[in-house]
């Protein structure tokens, strides 16, 4: 256990209470409250960090790896034949014969890595990508798989990875949350996918809208004040004084102090958040880069552009979710139509984000992570126009943030069903993400209910082979 990441046994207010008395203590605590750093202030990492922040581009539903970034020539050759190996013991649904990819692959960039024709814009950035072709998980259902990816557990309420990152490193902007999730899905785990669980409340994600709200209408709830700033300030000062008086009598109360901090952050956010979401000062060229001038790409493009603006302003963990509220990337049928639609919506904005981050010098210390909760099966469903869930082997990719650019790491089997070479479990992915941020996943712990918890539980190995 690393003491630097443990909750204090005695709060600052309790210490003052024991060394002073009455209104003198209240006055001193009030002065220190104005000058002392917030618990969400930036903290020093365990190790030299390669990245300072994360942008997670989450493709809800499970993109098909053999149709995007993991071509399988033998799958093309054996289209319509039975899968020659043993299928997983536990499957989400029945599958039929092998189904080749409907899309062609072409090599791109100096690295010569293959990308499906679904992603022509991302293909232009291939030399910045570190493609992880051997990811695997444990749960073939969306709910469990989403929770596993976001929290490290598919059957317990645990803190999300964004909350762990926020807890370990804090925020570089005290006027904005350290963890923001843009248009998150409310299904399959919902708020637990960005929650804090037993970590301090300030570590949880702040949602901007949800998947059912267009990104141009997505706001933090109650961000528009009903009172004038001066009246709000008086109200908060009175509330804080009453609560400090209560704390003087009762002693430390982490939940109450967390609420006090959240009130203060909410007050500051009323100025900072609308400015951060205001895209009116972005140039026409920048808006074009993200696809804001195209009805197909404008919704996700706006999310990606907001992510860049939050990254510039010191937000530690930013999640952007692609989810249309219907089938998302979950094509058990209509694979050709569904994946074509989804890729068209995200391809140009993702490439725009990568190019923009790179041009601004932000990509080198921003880790961009792309992927879904699992992949798809090489065997067909839906009248040979669909694929089932596949947690046994799938692809995610990283860019920037200290990873090797222009490489493909690991491999699935010849047909794409199972991770086969240099396998990366979800726990390994989490351990690696934390390591890139300068945190040792075995030492980023929090004591709760009599034991030390961590994002990776008792598992996880850092994949150092992908470090630049």
Protein backbone atom coordinates (compact mmCIF):
# COMPACT_ATOMS: atom_id res chain seq x y z
CA UNK A 1 0.00 0.00 0.00
CA UNK A 2 1.30 3.43 -0.88
CA UNK A 3 0.60 5.92 1.94
CA UNK A 4 0.50 8.76 -0.58
CA UNK A 5 -2.76 7.39 -1.91
CA UNK A 6 -4.50 6.65 1.43
CA UNK A 7 -7.21 8.77 3.00
CA UNK A 8 -6.03 10.87 5.92
CA UNK A 9 -6.90 9.47 9.35
CA UNK A 10 -7.41 13.00 10.65
CA UNK A 11 -8.77 15.85 8.63
CA UNK A 12 -7.34 19.36 8.55
CA UNK A 13 -10.45 20.64 10.27
CA UNK A 14 -10.18 18.07 13.04
CA UNK A 15 -6.55 19.00 13.61
CA UNK A 16 -7.50 22.66 13.93
CA UNK A 17 -10.31 21.79 16.27
CA UNK A 18 -7.90 20.02 18.61
CA UNK A 19 -5.43 22.89 18.62
CA UNK A 20 -7.92 25.75 18.98
CA UNK A 21 -11.45 26.34 20.18
CA UNK A 22 -14.81 27.89 19.44
CA UNK A 23 -15.15 30.72 16.97
CA UNK A 24 -11.36 31.09 16.79
CA UNK A 25 -11.16 27.65 15.21
CA UNK A 26 -14.02 28.48 12.84
CA UNK A 27 -12.26 31.66 11.73
CA UNK A 28 -8.95 29.86 11.21
CA UNK A 29 -10.58 27.02 9.31
CA UNK A 30 -12.39 29.53 7.10
CA UNK A 31 -9.13 31.24 6.22
CA UNK A 32 -7.37 27.95 5.51
CA UNK A 33 -10.30 26.76 3.40
CA UNK A 34 -9.59 29.65 1.06
CA UNK A 35 -5.84 28.94 0.84
CA UNK A 36 -5.49 25.17 1.25
CA UNK A 37 -5.40 23.02 -1.87
CA UNK A 38 -8.46 21.04 -2.81
CA UNK A 39 -8.29 17.25 -2.34
CA UNK A 40 -8.63 17.13 -6.13
CA UNK A 41 -5.42 19.14 -6.64
CA UNK A 42 -2.75 17.63 -8.88
CA UNK A 43 -0.59 14.97 -7.19
CA UNK A 44 2.82 13.55 -7.98
CA UNK A 45 2.79 10.14 -9.70
CA UNK A 46 4.78 7.13 -8.48
CA UNK A 47 7.01 7.07 -11.55
CA UNK A 48 8.08 9.35 -14.37
CA UNK A 49 4.89 9.64 -16.45
CA UNK A 50 4.76 9.30 -20.20
CA UNK A 51 1.25 10.76 -20.35
CA UNK A 52 -0.56 13.40 -18.33
CA UNK A 53 -4.13 12.69 -19.37
CA UNK A 54 -6.37 10.18 -21.18
CA UNK A 55 -9.00 10.55 -23.89
CA UNK A 56 -11.00 7.33 -24.13
CA UNK A 57 -12.97 6.94 -27.36
CA UNK A 58 -15.51 4.29 -26.41
CA UNK A 59 -17.34 2.48 -29.21
CA UNK A 60 -20.32 0.95 -27.40
CA UNK A 61 -21.54 -2.40 -28.63
CA UNK A 62 -18.30 -4.02 -29.77
CA UNK A 63 -16.72 -3.18 -33.14
CA UNK A 64 -15.65 -6.14 -35.24
CA UNK A 65 -11.86 -6.41 -35.20
CA UNK A 66 -11.62 -8.54 -38.35
CA UNK A 67 -13.57 -5.83 -40.19
CA UNK A 68 -11.53 -2.87 -38.93
CA UNK A 69 -7.90 -3.32 -37.81
CA UNK A 70 -7.19 -7.09 -37.79
CA UNK A 71 -7.43 -8.59 -41.31
CA UNK A 72 -7.75 -12.36 -41.61
CA UNK A 73 -6.84 -13.83 -45.03
CA UNK A 74 -7.81 -17.35 -43.96
CA UNK A 75 -11.24 -16.10 -43.00
CA UNK A 76 -11.63 -14.77 -46.53
CA UNK A 77 -10.41 -18.08 -47.96
CA UNK A 78 -12.67 -20.28 -45.83
CA UNK A 79 -15.81 -18.16 -46.03
CA UNK A 80 -18.90 -20.32 -45.54
CA UNK A 81 -16.99 -23.24 -44.00
CA UNK A 82 -17.28 -24.45 -40.38
CA UNK A 83 -14.87 -22.98 -37.85
CA UNK A 84 -12.08 -25.61 -37.69
CA UNK A 85 -11.46 -25.30 -33.95
CA UNK A 86 -13.51 -25.56 -30.79
CA UNK A 87 -15.79 -22.61 -30.16
CA UNK A 88 -15.83 -21.08 -26.67
CA UNK A 89 -17.65 -23.11 -24.03
CA UNK A 90 -19.75 -20.07 -23.11
CA UNK A 91 -21.18 -18.05 -26.00
CA UNK A 92 -23.71 -15.27 -26.05
CA UNK A 93 -25.75 -16.87 -28.85
CA UNK A 94 -25.49 -19.54 -31.52
CA UNK A 95 -23.23 -18.89 -34.50
CA UNK A 96 -23.04 -20.46 -37.94
CA UNK A 97 -20.31 -20.80 -40.54
CA UNK A 98 -17.32 -18.53 -41.08
CA UNK A 99 -18.03 -15.12 -42.56
CA UNK A 100 -15.37 -13.19 -44.45
CA UNK A 101 -15.11 -9.44 -44.06
CA UNK A 102 -17.27 -7.44 -46.48
CA UNK A 103 -14.55 -4.76 -46.54
CA UNK A 104 -11.13 -4.68 -48.13
CA UNK A 105 -7.94 -3.87 -46.25
CA UNK A 106 -5.08 -1.77 -47.53
CA UNK A 107 -1.66 -1.00 -46.10
CA UNK A 108 -1.03 2.61 -45.10
CA UNK A 109 1.75 4.92 -43.98
CA UNK A 110 5.42 4.22 -43.51
CA UNK A 111 4.52 1.44 -41.09
CA UNK A 112 2.53 -0.34 -43.79
CA UNK A 113 -0.12 -1.43 -41.30
CA UNK A 114 -3.43 -2.60 -42.81
CA UNK A 115 -6.67 -0.72 -42.15
CA UNK A 116 -10.15 -1.55 -43.39
CA UNK A 117 -11.76 0.70 -45.97
CA UNK A 118 -14.25 1.54 -43.21
CA UNK A 119 -11.66 3.94 -41.74
CA UNK A 120 -10.01 5.92 -44.58
CA UNK A 121 -9.38 8.98 -42.37
CA UNK A 122 -7.97 7.09 -39.39
CA UNK A 123 -5.79 5.22 -41.91
CA UNK A 124 -4.03 8.54 -42.58
CA UNK A 125 -2.94 8.51 -38.90
CA UNK A 126 -1.81 4.87 -38.85
CA UNK A 127 1.81 5.79 -38.11
CA UNK A 128 0.64 7.28 -34.80
CA UNK A 129 -1.34 4.22 -33.72
CA UNK A 130 -0.28 1.35 -31.48
CA UNK A 131 -2.77 -1.37 -32.39
CA UNK A 132 -3.41 -3.96 -29.70
CA UNK A 133 -4.73 -7.03 -31.52
CA UNK A 134 -4.73 -9.50 -28.63
CA UNK A 135 -7.12 -7.99 -26.08
CA UNK A 136 -9.45 -10.36 -24.26
CA UNK A 137 -11.97 -10.30 -21.44
CA UNK A 138 -14.25 -12.66 -19.57
CA UNK A 139 -17.86 -11.69 -20.16
CA UNK A 140 -19.85 -12.18 -23.41
CA UNK A 141 -22.75 -9.92 -22.30
CA UNK A 142 -22.76 -6.16 -22.75
CA UNK A 143 -23.51 -5.29 -19.12
CA UNK A 144 -20.74 -7.37 -17.61
CA UNK A 145 -18.26 -6.54 -20.37
CA UNK A 146 -18.86 -2.77 -20.05
CA UNK A 147 -18.36 -2.92 -16.30
CA UNK A 148 -15.23 -5.05 -16.72
CA UNK A 149 -13.72 -2.57 -19.17
CA UNK A 150 -14.67 0.49 -17.12
CA UNK A 151 -14.16 -0.78 -13.56
CA UNK A 152 -12.16 -3.99 -13.70
CA UNK A 153 -15.07 -6.02 -12.30
CA UNK A 154 -18.09 -7.44 -14.05
CA UNK A 155 -20.11 -8.43 -10.99
CA UNK A 156 -19.40 -5.88 -8.22
CA UNK A 157 -19.79 -2.12 -7.95
CA UNK A 158 -16.24 -0.82 -8.18
CA UNK A 159 -14.67 2.58 -8.98
CA UNK A 160 -14.30 3.32 -12.68
CA UNK A 161 -10.85 3.64 -14.23
CA UNK A 162 -11.45 7.35 -14.74
CA UNK A 163 -12.16 7.70 -11.02
CA UNK A 164 -8.96 5.80 -10.16
CA UNK A 165 -6.94 8.06 -12.46
CA UNK A 166 -8.56 11.15 -10.98
CA UNK A 167 -7.93 9.87 -7.44
CA UNK A 168 -4.30 9.04 -8.14
CA UNK A 169 -3.30 12.18 -10.03
CA UNK A 170 -5.93 14.82 -9.26
CA UNK A 171 -6.91 17.59 -11.65
CA UNK A 172 -4.74 20.31 -13.15
CA UNK A 173 -7.72 22.70 -13.32
CA UNK A 174 -9.53 23.41 -10.07
CA UNK A 175 -12.44 24.99 -11.95
CA UNK A 176 -13.29 21.80 -13.87
CA UNK A 177 -13.77 18.18 -12.80
CA UNK A 178 -10.80 15.87 -13.20
CA UNK A 179 -12.98 13.28 -14.97
CA UNK A 180 -15.56 14.16 -17.62
CA UNK A 181 -17.66 11.77 -19.70
CA UNK A 182 -19.34 13.20 -22.80
CA UNK A 183 -22.71 11.75 -23.89
CA UNK A 184 -22.29 8.50 -21.94
CA UNK A 185 -24.61 5.56 -22.35
CA UNK A 186 -27.14 5.01 -19.56
CA UNK A 187 -27.48 1.31 -20.40
CA UNK A 188 -25.42 -1.73 -19.39
CA UNK A 189 -24.05 -0.51 -16.08
CA UNK A 190 -25.02 3.12 -16.57
CA UNK A 191 -23.59 5.45 -13.95
CA UNK A 192 -21.41 2.69 -12.51
CA UNK A 193 -19.25 2.98 -15.63
CA UNK A 194 -18.14 6.44 -14.53
CA UNK A 195 -18.86 6.22 -10.81
CA UNK A 196 -16.55 6.48 -7.80
CA UNK A 197 -18.05 3.62 -5.73
CA UNK A 198 -16.13 3.79 -2.43
CA UNK A 199 -13.51 6.30 -3.61
CA UNK A 200 -14.04 9.93 -2.53
CA UNK A 201 -17.00 11.52 -4.29
CA UNK A 202 -14.89 14.12 -6.10
CA UNK A 203 -13.22 11.39 -8.17
CA UNK A 204 -16.39 10.33 -10.02
CA UNK A 205 -17.05 11.33 -13.60
CA UNK A 206 -19.13 14.38 -14.43
CA UNK A 207 -21.52 13.51 -17.30
CA UNK A 208 -22.23 16.03 -20.04
CA UNK A 209 -25.56 14.97 -21.49
CA UNK A 210 -26.07 11.31 -22.33
CA UNK A 211 -26.27 9.07 -25.38
CA UNK A 212 -29.86 10.12 -26.08
CA UNK A 213 -28.97 13.84 -26.23
CA UNK A 214 -27.34 15.43 -29.32
CA UNK A 215 -23.91 16.76 -28.39
CA UNK A 216 -24.88 20.34 -29.24
CA UNK A 217 -27.56 20.09 -26.51
CA UNK A 218 -25.40 18.20 -24.01
CA UNK A 219 -24.78 20.17 -20.83
CA UNK A 220 -23.85 19.49 -17.23
CA UNK A 221 -27.10 19.42 -15.28
CA UNK A 222 -27.97 22.69 -13.53
CA UNK A 223 -24.94 24.47 -15.03
CA UNK A 224 -27.07 27.56 -15.71
CA UNK A 225 -27.44 29.35 -12.33
CA UNK A 226 -30.81 30.62 -11.11
CA UNK A 227 -29.22 33.11 -8.70
CA UNK A 228 -26.80 35.94 -9.29
CA UNK A 229 -23.16 35.02 -8.48
CA UNK A 230 -23.14 37.25 -5.38
CA UNK A 231 -26.29 35.65 -3.99
CA UNK A 232 -24.93 32.19 -4.69
CA UNK A 233 -21.69 33.05 -2.93
CA UNK A 234 -23.56 34.22 0.16
CA UNK A 235 -25.66 31.06 0.14
CA UNK A 236 -22.61 28.81 -0.14
CA UNK A 237 -20.72 30.72 2.57
CA UNK A 238 -23.66 30.32 4.96
CA UNK A 239 -23.97 26.62 4.16
CA UNK A 240 -20.21 26.13 4.61
CA UNK A 241 -20.23 27.95 7.96
CA UNK A 242 -23.07 25.78 9.23
CA UNK A 243 -21.33 22.61 8.10
CA UNK A 244 -18.00 23.68 9.59
CA UNK A 245 -19.79 24.24 12.88
CA UNK A 246 -21.23 20.73 12.60
CA UNK A 247 -17.79 19.29 11.84
CA UNK A 248 -16.34 21.11 14.84
CA UNK A 249 -18.73 19.15 17.01
CA UNK A 250 -18.60 15.77 15.31
CA UNK A 251 -15.06 15.51 13.97
CA UNK A 252 -13.96 14.24 10.55
CA UNK A 253 -16.70 13.31 8.10
CA UNK A 254 -15.36 12.49 4.66
CA UNK A 255 -18.81 12.37 3.04
CA UNK A 256 -19.78 15.81 4.34
CA UNK A 257 -16.45 17.36 3.42
CA UNK A 258 -16.78 15.81 -0.03
CA UNK A 259 -20.15 17.49 -0.46
CA UNK A 260 -18.70 20.83 0.62
CA UNK A 261 -15.94 20.47 -1.98
CA UNK A 262 -18.49 19.50 -4.63
CA UNK A 263 -20.56 22.62 -3.91
CA UNK A 264 -17.52 24.83 -4.35
CA UNK A 265 -16.48 23.08 -7.58
CA UNK A 266 -20.01 23.38 -8.94
CA UNK A 267 -19.95 27.12 -8.25
CA UNK A 268 -16.66 27.56 -10.12
CA UNK A 269 -17.83 25.32 -12.97
CA UNK A 270 -20.69 27.68 -13.80
CA UNK A 271 -18.14 29.99 -15.35
CA UNK A 272 -15.51 27.51 -16.59
CA UNK A 273 -17.70 24.80 -18.12
CA UNK A 274 -19.75 26.94 -20.56
CA UNK A 275 -16.50 28.53 -21.79
CA UNK A 276 -14.90 25.12 -22.31
CA UNK A 277 -17.94 23.91 -24.28
CA UNK A 278 -18.19 27.06 -26.38
CA UNK A 279 -16.88 26.15 -29.84
CA UNK A 280 -17.70 29.50 -31.43
CA UNK A 281 -14.09 30.71 -31.25
CA UNK A 282 -12.74 27.64 -33.02
CA UNK A 283 -11.69 28.34 -36.57
CA UNK A 284 -13.64 27.14 -39.59
CA UNK A 285 -10.65 24.98 -40.51
CA UNK A 286 -10.72 23.28 -37.11
CA UNK A 287 -14.46 22.64 -37.31
CA UNK A 288 -13.98 21.20 -40.78
CA UNK A 289 -11.18 18.96 -39.49
CA UNK A 290 -13.55 17.40 -36.95
CA UNK A 291 -16.44 17.13 -39.42
CA UNK A 292 -18.73 19.70 -37.84
CA UNK A 293 -19.78 20.81 -41.33
CA UNK A 294 -21.23 17.38 -42.18
CA UNK A 295 -24.49 16.04 -40.73
CA UNK A 296 -23.02 12.54 -40.59
CA UNK A 297 -20.02 13.49 -38.47
CA UNK A 298 -21.05 16.66 -36.64
CA UNK A 299 -22.44 14.97 -33.52
CA UNK A 300 -19.40 12.83 -32.73
CA UNK A 301 -17.09 15.50 -34.11
CA UNK A 302 -18.38 17.99 -31.56
CA UNK A 303 -17.72 15.48 -28.79
CA UNK A 304 -14.14 14.97 -29.98
CA UNK A 305 -13.52 18.71 -30.25
CA UNK A 306 -14.85 19.22 -26.72
CA UNK A 307 -12.50 16.45 -25.57
CA UNK A 308 -9.54 18.34 -27.00
CA UNK A 309 -10.67 21.54 -25.27
CA UNK A 310 -11.01 19.75 -21.93
CA UNK A 311 -7.58 18.17 -22.40
CA UNK A 312 -6.10 21.63 -23.00
CA UNK A 313 -7.68 22.82 -19.76
CA UNK A 314 -6.15 20.16 -17.57
CA UNK A 315 -8.96 17.62 -17.28
CA UNK A 316 -7.26 14.34 -16.42
CA UNK A 317 -9.62 11.73 -17.92
CA UNK A 318 -12.08 12.45 -20.74
CA UNK A 319 -14.39 9.82 -22.17
CA UNK A 320 -16.21 10.22 -25.47
CA UNK A 321 -18.89 7.61 -26.20
CA UNK A 322 -20.27 6.67 -29.59
CA UNK A 323 -23.71 5.23 -28.98
CA UNK A 324 -26.78 5.99 -31.07
CA UNK A 325 -29.21 4.65 -28.51
CA UNK A 326 -30.20 1.73 -30.75
CA UNK A 327 -27.83 -1.05 -31.78
CA UNK A 328 -24.57 0.90 -31.69
CA UNK A 329 -21.77 -1.40 -32.94
CA UNK A 330 -23.75 -4.49 -31.93
CA UNK A 331 -24.49 -5.94 -35.34
CA UNK A 332 -25.92 -9.43 -34.87
CA UNK A 333 -27.55 -8.65 -38.21
CA UNK A 334 -27.19 -5.87 -40.76
CA UNK A 335 -23.43 -5.86 -40.29
CA UNK A 336 -22.74 -4.16 -43.61
CA UNK A 337 -25.23 -1.37 -43.02
CA UNK A 338 -24.54 -0.93 -39.30
CA UNK A 339 -20.73 -0.90 -39.34
CA UNK A 340 -20.72 1.32 -42.43
CA UNK A 341 -22.98 3.84 -40.67
CA UNK A 342 -21.03 3.77 -37.40
CA UNK A 343 -17.61 4.06 -38.99
CA UNK A 344 -18.75 6.95 -41.18
CA UNK A 345 -19.88 8.82 -38.05
CA UNK A 346 -16.61 8.44 -36.13
CA UNK A 347 -13.82 8.05 -38.70
CA UNK A 348 -13.28 11.67 -39.66
CA UNK A 349 -13.74 13.08 -36.11
CA UNK A 350 -11.24 10.59 -34.63
CA UNK A 351 -8.66 11.40 -37.29
CA UNK A 352 -9.34 15.10 -36.73
CA UNK A 353 -8.73 14.70 -33.01
CA UNK A 354 -5.44 12.87 -33.55
CA UNK A 355 -4.22 15.42 -36.08
CA UNK A 356 -5.30 18.36 -33.92
CA UNK A 357 -3.66 16.98 -30.78
CA UNK A 358 -0.47 16.35 -32.71
CA UNK A 359 -0.42 19.82 -34.29
CA UNK A 360 -0.85 21.43 -30.86
CA UNK A 361 1.87 19.35 -29.21
CA UNK A 362 -0.69 17.61 -27.02
CA UNK A 363 -0.48 14.09 -28.45
CA UNK A 364 2.91 13.42 -26.90
CA UNK A 365 1.49 13.59 -23.36
CA UNK A 366 -2.15 12.66 -24.09
CA UNK A 367 -2.95 8.95 -24.26
CA UNK A 368 -5.78 8.28 -26.70
CA UNK A 369 -7.49 4.91 -26.20
CA UNK A 370 -10.00 3.51 -28.74
CA UNK A 371 -12.19 0.43 -28.50
CA UNK A 372 -15.36 -1.29 -27.35
CA UNK A 373 -16.25 -3.75 -24.61
CA UNK A 374 -15.42 -6.75 -26.85
CA UNK A 375 -15.07 -7.76 -30.51
CA UNK A 376 -17.17 -9.94 -32.79
CA UNK A 377 -17.05 -13.58 -33.86
CA UNK A 378 -15.64 -14.71 -37.20
CA UNK A 379 -18.70 -16.98 -37.48
CA UNK A 380 -21.92 -15.58 -38.87
CA UNK A 381 -25.31 -14.67 -37.50
CA UNK A 382 -28.34 -12.91 -38.96
CA UNK A 383 -28.52 -14.64 -42.31
CA UNK A 384 -24.77 -14.26 -42.91
CA UNK A 385 -24.85 -10.51 -42.29
CA UNK A 386 -23.99 -10.33 -38.61
CA UNK A 387 -21.55 -11.41 -35.92
CA UNK A 388 -21.97 -12.36 -32.27
CA UNK A 389 -20.23 -10.93 -29.18
CA UNK A 390 -16.64 -12.07 -28.76
CA UNK A 391 -14.68 -11.31 -25.57
CA UNK A 392 -12.12 -14.02 -26.37
CA UNK A 393 -10.09 -11.85 -28.73
CA UNK A 394 -10.47 -8.30 -30.03
CA UNK A 395 -8.64 -5.11 -30.96
CA UNK A 396 -8.16 -1.81 -29.20
CA UNK A 397 -5.61 0.84 -30.06
CA UNK A 398 -3.67 3.58 -28.33
CA UNK A 399 -1.98 6.69 -29.67
CA UNK A 400 0.36 9.26 -28.14
CA UNK A 401 1.08 9.23 -24.44
CA UNK A 402 4.39 7.38 -24.66
CA UNK A 403 3.38 4.31 -26.68
CA UNK A 404 5.26 3.08 -29.73
CA UNK A 405 3.68 4.55 -32.87
CA UNK A 406 3.02 2.61 -36.06
CA UNK A 407 3.04 -0.90 -34.61
CA UNK A 408 0.64 -3.81 -34.20
CA UNK A 409 1.15 -5.75 -30.98
CA UNK A 410 -0.17 -9.23 -30.28
CA UNK A 411 -2.37 -11.36 -32.49
CA UNK A 412 -5.55 -13.39 -32.57
CA UNK A 413 -5.69 -16.83 -34.17
CA UNK A 414 -5.89 -17.24 -37.95
CA UNK A 415 -9.65 -16.59 -37.95
CA UNK A 416 -9.81 -13.96 -35.21
CA UNK A 417 -11.72 -15.81 -32.51
CA UNK A 418 -9.15 -16.10 -29.71
CA UNK A 419 -6.28 -13.90 -28.52
CA UNK A 420 -3.26 -16.06 -29.26
CA UNK A 421 -0.01 -14.10 -29.08
CA UNK A 422 1.09 -11.60 -26.41
CA UNK A 423 -2.36 -11.70 -24.88
CA UNK A 424 -3.64 -8.54 -23.14
CA UNK A 425 -6.35 -9.09 -20.57
CA UNK A 426 -8.50 -6.13 -19.48
CA UNK A 427 -6.52 -6.09 -16.20
CA UNK A 428 -3.31 -5.81 -18.23
CA UNK A 429 -4.81 -2.94 -20.22
CA UNK A 430 -5.64 -1.10 -16.99
CA UNK A 431 -2.21 -1.76 -15.50
CA UNK A 432 -0.57 -0.46 -18.67
CA UNK A 433 -2.74 2.65 -18.84
CA UNK A 434 -1.87 3.52 -15.22
CA UNK A 435 1.83 2.89 -15.85
CA UNK A 436 1.83 5.27 -18.81
CA UNK A 437 0.41 7.89 -16.45
CA UNK A 438 3.18 7.21 -13.96
CA UNK A 439 1.21 5.07 -11.51
CA UNK A 440 2.05 1.61 -10.23
CA UNK A 441 -1.21 -0.33 -10.35
CA UNK A 442 -0.13 -2.44 -7.36
CA UNK A 443 0.42 0.66 -5.22
CA UNK A 444 -2.58 2.73 -6.29
CA UNK A 445 -4.80 1.36 -3.54
CA UNK A 446 -7.66 2.42 -1.31
CA UNK A 447 -8.64 0.78 1.96
CA UNK A 448 -12.33 -0.04 2.13
CA UNK A 449 -14.27 -2.58 4.19
CA UNK A 450 -11.11 -3.93 5.77
CA UNK A 451 -9.03 -4.56 2.65
CA UNK A 452 -6.98 -2.70 0.08
CA UNK A 453 -8.66 -2.34 -3.30
CA UNK A 454 -7.14 -1.43 -6.65
CA UNK A 455 -8.34 -1.10 -10.23
CA UNK A 456 -6.65 -4.35 -11.23
CA UNK A 457 -7.74 -6.25 -8.09
CA UNK A 458 -5.05 -8.95 -7.66
CA UNK A 459 -4.25 -9.23 -11.37
CA UNK A 460 -2.64 -7.24 -14.16
CA UNK A 461 0.73 -7.03 -15.90
CA UNK A 462 2.11 -3.91 -17.53
CA UNK A 463 2.68 -4.41 -21.27
CA UNK A 464 6.03 -2.61 -21.42
CA UNK A 465 6.77 -3.85 -24.92
CA UNK A 466 4.53 -1.11 -26.30
CA UNK A 467 6.31 1.72 -24.44
CA UNK A 468 8.25 4.08 -26.66
